[in-house]
Amino acid sequence: MPSPWCGGPLIQRCPPPICNGLRHARHHLLPDRRVRALDRDNVGTIIDLHDTTGDATVLFIADDGTPAIRTLAWSDLKPIDHPERVEIAPDAQRWLEFEANRIERSADLWATALADHSIEPGEAGLLRRAIQTRRELLAR
């Protein structure tokens, strides 16, 4: 059965930046590959992948040689050095599908909560622009 992360129905419903980032990261992560931590822009080396939890253990070495080992989510890592794409293990695929479903459920709950107040997702940007336009008109 084709994976929803490879063009199936979930990829259409899951917010693209989240789905694409997770899928891309995992397709390029392997032990001994270098990654950049997105939170602090530090470069480290993957020690271990945790396909059932969607994270990786990474070794960072400070300028003074002090090592630090951190476990970070795949979404918080950016593969560097242009690594070749790797196949995703079945456990990782199951976790990605679970995460896509979790994100979709959360988005549905949020949309329902907004609808209770006659608001649609994405409407905040439209409202900000309308307020700015009104302010500009009043300032004239």
N, C-alpha and C. Protein backbone atom coordinates (compact mmCIF):
# COMPACT_ATOMS: atom_id res chain seq x y z
N MET A 1 0.84 -1.18 0.00
CA MET A 1 0.00 0.00 0.00
C MET A 1 0.89 1.24 0.00
N PRO A 2 0.66 2.21 -0.90
CA PRO A 2 1.51 3.41 -0.93
C PRO A 2 1.33 4.24 0.33
N SER A 3 2.40 4.81 0.75
CA SER A 3 2.38 5.62 1.96
C SER A 3 1.68 6.95 1.72
N PRO A 4 0.88 7.41 2.71
CA PRO A 4 0.27 8.72 2.58
C PRO A 4 1.32 9.82 2.54
N TRP A 5 2.53 9.53 3.00
CA TRP A 5 3.58 10.55 2.99
C TRP A 5 4.24 10.64 1.63
N CYS A 6 3.86 9.76 0.73
CA CYS A 6 4.47 9.79 -0.60
C CYS A 6 3.44 10.17 -1.65
N GLY A 7 2.54 11.08 -1.30
CA GLY A 7 1.58 11.58 -2.27
C GLY A 7 0.17 11.08 -2.04
N GLY A 8 -0.05 10.30 -0.99
CA GLY A 8 -1.39 9.80 -0.70
C GLY A 8 -2.28 10.88 -0.11
N PRO A 9 -3.45 10.50 0.40
CA PRO A 9 -4.43 11.47 0.86
C PRO A 9 -3.99 12.32 2.04
N LEU A 10 -3.19 11.79 2.96
CA LEU A 10 -2.82 12.59 4.14
C LEU A 10 -1.93 13.76 3.78
N ILE A 11 -1.10 13.60 2.76
CA ILE A 11 -0.20 14.69 2.40
C ILE A 11 -1.00 15.90 1.94
N GLN A 12 -2.21 15.67 1.45
CA GLN A 12 -3.07 16.77 1.01
C GLN A 12 -3.67 17.51 2.20
N ARG A 13 -3.87 16.82 3.31
CA ARG A 13 -4.53 17.43 4.46
C ARG A 13 -3.55 17.93 5.51
N CYS A 14 -2.42 17.29 5.65
CA CYS A 14 -1.42 17.69 6.64
C CYS A 14 -0.78 19.00 6.18
N PRO A 15 -0.56 19.96 7.09
CA PRO A 15 0.09 21.20 6.67
C PRO A 15 1.42 20.92 5.97
N PRO A 16 1.56 21.33 4.70
CA PRO A 16 2.74 20.95 3.91
C PRO A 16 4.09 21.21 4.56
N PRO A 17 4.33 22.35 5.20
CA PRO A 17 5.67 22.53 5.77
C PRO A 17 6.01 21.46 6.81
N ILE A 18 5.03 21.04 7.58
CA ILE A 18 5.28 20.02 8.60
C ILE A 18 5.54 18.68 7.95
N CYS A 19 4.64 18.26 7.07
CA CYS A 19 4.78 16.96 6.40
C CYS A 19 6.07 16.89 5.59
N ASN A 20 6.29 17.91 4.79
CA ASN A 20 7.47 17.89 3.93
C ASN A 20 8.76 17.91 4.73
N GLY A 21 8.81 18.70 5.79
CA GLY A 21 10.02 18.77 6.62
C GLY A 21 10.33 17.46 7.30
N LEU A 22 9.33 16.82 7.88
CA LEU A 22 9.55 15.53 8.54
C LEU A 22 10.00 14.47 7.55
N ARG A 23 9.30 14.37 6.45
CA ARG A 23 9.61 13.35 5.45
C ARG A 23 11.01 13.57 4.87
N HIS A 24 11.32 14.82 4.52
CA HIS A 24 12.64 15.12 3.94
C HIS A 24 13.75 14.81 4.93
N ALA A 25 13.57 15.24 6.17
CA ALA A 25 14.61 14.99 7.18
C ALA A 25 14.87 13.49 7.32
N ARG A 26 13.81 12.71 7.49
CA ARG A 26 14.01 11.28 7.74
C ARG A 26 14.62 10.58 6.54
N HIS A 27 14.32 11.03 5.35
CA HIS A 27 14.89 10.42 4.15
C HIS A 27 16.38 10.70 4.01
N HIS A 28 16.95 11.55 4.87
CA HIS A 28 18.38 11.88 4.77
C HIS A 28 19.15 11.65 6.06
N LEU A 29 18.50 11.05 7.05
CA LEU A 29 19.16 10.82 8.34
C LEU A 29 19.65 9.38 8.45
N LEU A 30 20.89 9.26 8.90
CA LEU A 30 21.51 7.96 9.22
C LEU A 30 22.58 8.22 10.27
N PRO A 31 22.90 7.22 11.09
CA PRO A 31 24.02 7.40 12.02
C PRO A 31 25.29 7.77 11.26
N ASP A 32 26.11 8.60 11.89
CA ASP A 32 27.37 9.11 11.38
C ASP A 32 27.21 10.22 10.33
N ARG A 33 25.98 10.66 10.07
CA ARG A 33 25.78 11.79 9.18
C ARG A 33 25.69 13.07 10.00
N ARG A 34 26.15 14.17 9.39
CA ARG A 34 26.12 15.45 10.08
C ARG A 34 24.78 16.16 9.85
N VAL A 35 24.33 16.84 10.91
CA VAL A 35 23.08 17.59 10.85
C VAL A 35 23.27 18.94 11.54
N ARG A 36 22.38 19.84 11.23
CA ARG A 36 22.35 21.15 11.89
C ARG A 36 21.10 21.19 12.76
N ALA A 37 21.28 21.53 14.03
CA ALA A 37 20.14 21.69 14.93
C ALA A 37 19.50 23.04 14.63
N LEU A 38 18.24 23.06 14.32
CA LEU A 38 17.58 24.28 13.90
C LEU A 38 17.40 25.30 15.02
N ASP A 39 17.39 24.83 16.26
CA ASP A 39 17.16 25.77 17.37
C ASP A 39 18.36 26.68 17.64
N ARG A 40 19.57 26.15 17.49
CA ARG A 40 20.77 26.95 17.79
C ARG A 40 21.78 26.98 16.66
N ASP A 41 21.44 26.32 15.57
CA ASP A 41 22.31 26.31 14.41
C ASP A 41 23.63 25.57 14.66
N ASN A 42 23.64 24.68 15.66
CA ASN A 42 24.84 23.89 15.95
C ASN A 42 24.93 22.70 14.99
N VAL A 43 26.15 22.29 14.68
CA VAL A 43 26.36 21.12 13.83
C VAL A 43 26.77 19.96 14.71
N GLY A 44 26.13 18.81 14.46
CA GLY A 44 26.45 17.60 15.22
C GLY A 44 26.41 16.38 14.32
N THR A 45 26.71 15.23 14.93
CA THR A 45 26.72 13.96 14.21
C THR A 45 25.68 13.04 14.82
N ILE A 46 24.87 12.42 13.99
CA ILE A 46 23.84 11.49 14.47
C ILE A 46 24.52 10.25 15.05
N ILE A 47 24.13 9.91 16.27
CA ILE A 47 24.62 8.70 16.91
C ILE A 47 23.63 7.57 16.69
N ASP A 48 22.33 7.89 16.83
CA ASP A 48 21.30 6.86 16.74
C ASP A 48 19.99 7.48 16.27
N LEU A 49 19.22 6.71 15.52
CA LEU A 49 17.88 7.12 15.10
C LEU A 49 16.85 6.34 15.90
N HIS A 50 15.78 7.00 16.25
CA HIS A 50 14.70 6.38 17.01
C HIS A 50 13.45 6.43 16.14
N ASP A 51 13.28 5.38 15.33
CA ASP A 51 12.21 5.37 14.34
C ASP A 51 10.82 5.24 14.95
N THR A 52 10.71 4.78 16.17
CA THR A 52 9.38 4.64 16.78
C THR A 52 8.95 5.91 17.51
N THR A 53 9.85 6.89 17.65
CA THR A 53 9.50 8.12 18.36
C THR A 53 9.76 9.38 17.54
N GLY A 54 10.33 9.24 16.36
CA GLY A 54 10.54 10.40 15.49
C GLY A 54 11.64 11.33 15.93
N ASP A 55 12.67 10.78 16.55
CA ASP A 55 13.79 11.64 16.95
C ASP A 55 15.12 10.93 16.75
N ALA A 56 16.19 11.66 17.03
CA ALA A 56 17.54 11.12 16.85
C ALA A 56 18.43 11.61 17.98
N THR A 57 19.40 10.79 18.34
CA THR A 57 20.41 11.19 19.31
C THR A 57 21.59 11.75 18.52
N VAL A 58 22.00 12.97 18.91
CA VAL A 58 23.04 13.68 18.17
C VAL A 58 24.16 14.08 19.12
N LEU A 59 25.39 13.91 18.65
CA LEU A 59 26.58 14.32 19.40
C LEU A 59 27.05 15.67 18.87
N PHE A 60 27.16 16.63 19.78
CA PHE A 60 27.69 17.95 19.45
C PHE A 60 29.02 18.12 20.18
N ILE A 61 29.99 18.72 19.53
CA ILE A 61 31.28 19.01 20.14
C ILE A 61 31.47 20.53 20.14
N ALA A 62 31.62 21.11 21.34
CA ALA A 62 31.82 22.56 21.46
C ALA A 62 33.21 22.94 20.97
N ASP A 63 33.41 24.24 20.75
CA ASP A 63 34.72 24.73 20.30
C ASP A 63 35.86 24.32 21.22
N ASP A 64 35.55 24.20 22.52
CA ASP A 64 36.59 23.82 23.48
C ASP A 64 36.74 22.30 23.62
N GLY A 65 36.00 21.55 22.78
CA GLY A 65 36.10 20.09 22.79
C GLY A 65 35.11 19.39 23.70
N THR A 66 34.29 20.13 24.41
CA THR A 66 33.30 19.54 25.31
C THR A 66 32.18 18.88 24.51
N PRO A 67 31.95 17.58 24.77
CA PRO A 67 30.87 16.90 24.04
C PRO A 67 29.52 17.12 24.72
N ALA A 68 28.48 17.10 23.93
CA ALA A 68 27.11 17.16 24.45
C ALA A 68 26.26 16.23 23.59
N ILE A 69 25.50 15.39 24.24
CA ILE A 69 24.62 14.48 23.52
C ILE A 69 23.19 14.92 23.79
N ARG A 70 22.42 15.11 22.71
CA ARG A 70 21.04 15.57 22.81
C ARG A 70 20.17 14.69 21.93
N THR A 71 18.93 14.50 22.37
CA THR A 71 17.93 13.82 21.56
C THR A 71 17.00 14.89 21.02
N LEU A 72 16.93 14.97 19.68
CA LEU A 72 16.13 16.00 19.02
C LEU A 72 15.16 15.36 18.04
N ALA A 73 14.02 16.00 17.87
CA ALA A 73 13.03 15.54 16.89
C ALA A 73 13.59 15.68 15.48
N TRP A 74 13.18 14.80 14.58
CA TRP A 74 13.63 14.89 13.20
C TRP A 74 13.32 16.27 12.63
N SER A 75 12.18 16.82 13.02
CA SER A 75 11.78 18.13 12.49
C SER A 75 12.69 19.25 12.96
N ASP A 76 13.49 19.01 13.99
CA ASP A 76 14.43 20.01 14.51
C ASP A 76 15.84 19.84 13.95
N LEU A 77 15.99 18.94 12.99
CA LEU A 77 17.30 18.66 12.40
C LEU A 77 17.28 18.92 10.90
N LYS A 78 18.37 19.49 10.42
CA LYS A 78 18.51 19.70 8.98
C LYS A 78 19.76 18.94 8.53
N PRO A 79 19.58 17.95 7.65
CA PRO A 79 20.74 17.23 7.14
C PRO A 79 21.64 18.20 6.36
N ILE A 80 22.95 18.04 6.54
CA ILE A 80 23.90 18.89 5.80
C ILE A 80 24.85 17.99 5.01
N ASP A 81 25.72 18.58 4.25
CA ASP A 81 26.70 17.86 3.42
C ASP A 81 26.03 17.12 2.26
N HIS A 82 24.82 17.49 1.89
CA HIS A 82 24.10 16.90 0.76
C HIS A 82 24.10 15.37 0.79
N PRO A 83 23.57 14.78 1.88
CA PRO A 83 23.58 13.31 1.96
C PRO A 83 22.63 12.69 0.95
N GLU A 84 22.95 11.47 0.56
CA GLU A 84 22.07 10.73 -0.34
C GLU A 84 20.81 10.32 0.40
N ARG A 85 19.74 10.22 -0.35
CA ARG A 85 18.44 9.81 0.19
C ARG A 85 18.51 8.34 0.60
N VAL A 86 17.85 8.02 1.71
CA VAL A 86 17.80 6.64 2.20
C VAL A 86 16.34 6.20 2.28
N GLU A 87 16.15 4.91 2.22
CA GLU A 87 14.80 4.37 2.39
C GLU A 87 14.38 4.50 3.86
N ILE A 88 13.11 4.69 4.06
CA ILE A 88 12.60 4.82 5.42
C ILE A 88 12.20 3.44 5.93
N ALA A 89 12.67 3.11 7.13
CA ALA A 89 12.35 1.82 7.76
C ALA A 89 10.86 1.75 8.06
N PRO A 90 10.29 0.53 8.13
CA PRO A 90 8.86 0.39 8.43
C PRO A 90 8.44 1.08 9.74
N ASP A 91 9.27 0.98 10.78
CA ASP A 91 8.92 1.65 12.05
C ASP A 91 8.84 3.16 11.87
N ALA A 92 9.76 3.72 11.10
CA ALA A 92 9.75 5.16 10.85
C ALA A 92 8.52 5.54 10.02
N GLN A 93 8.18 4.72 9.05
CA GLN A 93 7.00 4.99 8.22
C GLN A 93 5.73 4.98 9.08
N ARG A 94 5.64 4.01 9.99
CA ARG A 94 4.47 3.96 10.88
C ARG A 94 4.41 5.21 11.75
N TRP A 95 5.56 5.65 12.26
CA TRP A 95 5.57 6.85 13.10
C TRP A 95 5.16 8.07 12.28
N LEU A 96 5.65 8.20 11.05
CA LEU A 96 5.28 9.33 10.19
C LEU A 96 3.78 9.34 9.91
N GLU A 97 3.21 8.17 9.64
CA GLU A 97 1.77 8.08 9.40
C GLU A 97 0.99 8.44 10.66
N PHE A 98 1.45 7.95 11.82
CA PHE A 98 0.80 8.29 13.09
C PHE A 98 0.85 9.80 13.30
N GLU A 99 2.00 10.41 13.04
CA GLU A 99 2.16 11.85 13.24
C GLU A 99 1.28 12.64 12.28
N ALA A 100 1.16 12.18 11.04
CA ALA A 100 0.28 12.85 10.08
C ALA A 100 -1.16 12.80 10.56
N ASN A 101 -1.57 11.65 11.09
CA ASN A 101 -2.93 11.53 11.63
C ASN A 101 -3.13 12.44 12.84
N ARG A 102 -2.12 12.50 13.71
CA ARG A 102 -2.22 13.35 14.91
C ARG A 102 -2.36 14.81 14.50
N ILE A 103 -1.56 15.25 13.54
CA ILE A 103 -1.62 16.63 13.07
C ILE A 103 -2.98 16.91 12.44
N GLU A 104 -3.46 15.97 11.65
CA GLU A 104 -4.77 16.16 11.02
C GLU A 104 -5.88 16.28 12.06
N ARG A 105 -5.85 15.41 13.09
CA ARG A 105 -6.87 15.49 14.15
C ARG A 105 -6.80 16.83 14.87
N SER A 106 -5.59 17.29 15.16
CA SER A 106 -5.43 18.59 15.83
C SER A 106 -5.96 19.72 14.97
N ALA A 107 -5.65 19.67 13.68
CA ALA A 107 -6.13 20.71 12.76
C ALA A 107 -7.65 20.69 12.68
N ASP A 108 -8.25 19.50 12.67
CA ASP A 108 -9.71 19.39 12.64
C ASP A 108 -10.33 19.96 13.91
N LEU A 109 -9.73 19.65 15.07
CA LEU A 109 -10.24 20.20 16.33
C LEU A 109 -10.14 21.71 16.35
N TRP A 110 -9.03 22.25 15.86
CA TRP A 110 -8.84 23.70 15.82
C TRP A 110 -9.86 24.34 14.88
N ALA A 111 -10.07 23.74 13.70
CA ALA A 111 -11.03 24.28 12.75
C ALA A 111 -12.44 24.27 13.34
N THR A 112 -12.78 23.21 14.07
CA THR A 112 -14.09 23.13 14.71
C THR A 112 -14.25 24.20 15.78
N ALA A 113 -13.20 24.39 16.59
CA ALA A 113 -13.26 25.42 17.63
C ALA A 113 -13.42 26.80 17.01
N LEU A 114 -12.72 27.07 15.92
CA LEU A 114 -12.85 28.36 15.25
C LEU A 114 -14.25 28.52 14.64
N ALA A 115 -14.76 27.44 14.04
CA ALA A 115 -16.08 27.49 13.40
C ALA A 115 -17.17 27.81 14.42
N ASP A 116 -16.98 27.37 15.66
CA ASP A 116 -17.96 27.69 16.72
C ASP A 116 -18.10 29.19 16.91
N HIS A 117 -17.10 29.95 16.47
CA HIS A 117 -17.11 31.41 16.59
C HIS A 117 -17.17 32.08 15.22
N SER A 118 -17.61 31.31 14.21
CA SER A 118 -17.75 31.79 12.84
C SER A 118 -16.44 32.31 12.26
N ILE A 119 -15.35 31.64 12.59
CA ILE A 119 -14.02 32.00 12.09
C ILE A 119 -13.48 30.80 11.33
N GLU A 120 -12.73 31.06 10.26
CA GLU A 120 -12.11 29.99 9.50
C GLU A 120 -10.60 30.03 9.68
N PRO A 121 -9.93 28.86 9.60
CA PRO A 121 -8.46 28.86 9.68
C PRO A 121 -7.88 29.78 8.60
N GLY A 122 -6.87 30.55 8.96
CA GLY A 122 -6.24 31.46 8.02
C GLY A 122 -6.87 32.84 7.98
N GLU A 123 -7.97 33.00 8.67
CA GLU A 123 -8.69 34.28 8.65
C GLU A 123 -7.93 35.38 9.39
N ALA A 124 -7.06 35.04 10.31
CA ALA A 124 -6.34 36.05 11.09
C ALA A 124 -5.54 36.98 10.19
N GLY A 125 -4.86 36.44 9.20
CA GLY A 125 -4.09 37.27 8.28
C GLY A 125 -4.98 38.23 7.51
N LEU A 126 -6.13 37.76 7.09
CA LEU A 126 -7.08 38.61 6.39
C LEU A 126 -7.57 39.74 7.31
N LEU A 127 -7.85 39.39 8.56
CA LEU A 127 -8.31 40.41 9.52
C LEU A 127 -7.22 41.44 9.79
N ARG A 128 -5.97 41.01 9.92
CA ARG A 128 -4.87 41.97 10.14
C ARG A 128 -4.76 42.94 8.97
N ARG A 129 -4.87 42.41 7.74
CA ARG A 129 -4.79 43.29 6.57
C ARG A 129 -5.96 44.26 6.53
N ALA A 130 -7.16 43.80 6.90
CA ALA A 130 -8.33 44.67 6.91
C ALA A 130 -8.18 45.78 7.95
N ILE A 131 -7.66 45.43 9.11
CA ILE A 131 -7.44 46.44 10.16
C ILE A 131 -6.41 47.46 9.70
N GLN A 132 -5.32 47.01 9.08
CA GLN A 132 -4.29 47.93 8.58
C GLN A 132 -4.85 48.85 7.51
N THR A 133 -5.65 48.30 6.61
CA THR A 133 -6.27 49.12 5.56
C THR A 133 -7.19 50.17 6.17
N ARG A 134 -7.96 49.78 7.17
CA ARG A 134 -8.88 50.72 7.84
C ARG A 134 -8.08 51.82 8.55
N ARG A 135 -6.99 51.47 9.20
CA ARG A 135 -6.16 52.47 9.87
C ARG A 135 -5.59 53.48 8.86
N GLU A 136 -5.14 52.96 7.72
CA GLU A 136 -4.59 53.84 6.69
C GLU A 136 -5.65 54.78 6.15
N LEU A 137 -6.86 54.28 5.98
CA LEU A 137 -7.96 55.14 5.51
C LEU A 137 -8.30 56.22 6.53
N LEU A 138 -8.32 55.87 7.80
CA LEU A 138 -8.66 56.83 8.86
C LEU A 138 -7.55 57.87 9.05
N ALA A 139 -6.31 57.48 8.74
CA ALA A 139 -5.17 58.40 8.90
C ALA A 139 -5.15 59.47 7.83
N ARG A 140 -5.88 59.32 6.76
CA ARG A 140 -5.87 60.30 5.66
C ARG A 140 -6.67 61.51 5.98
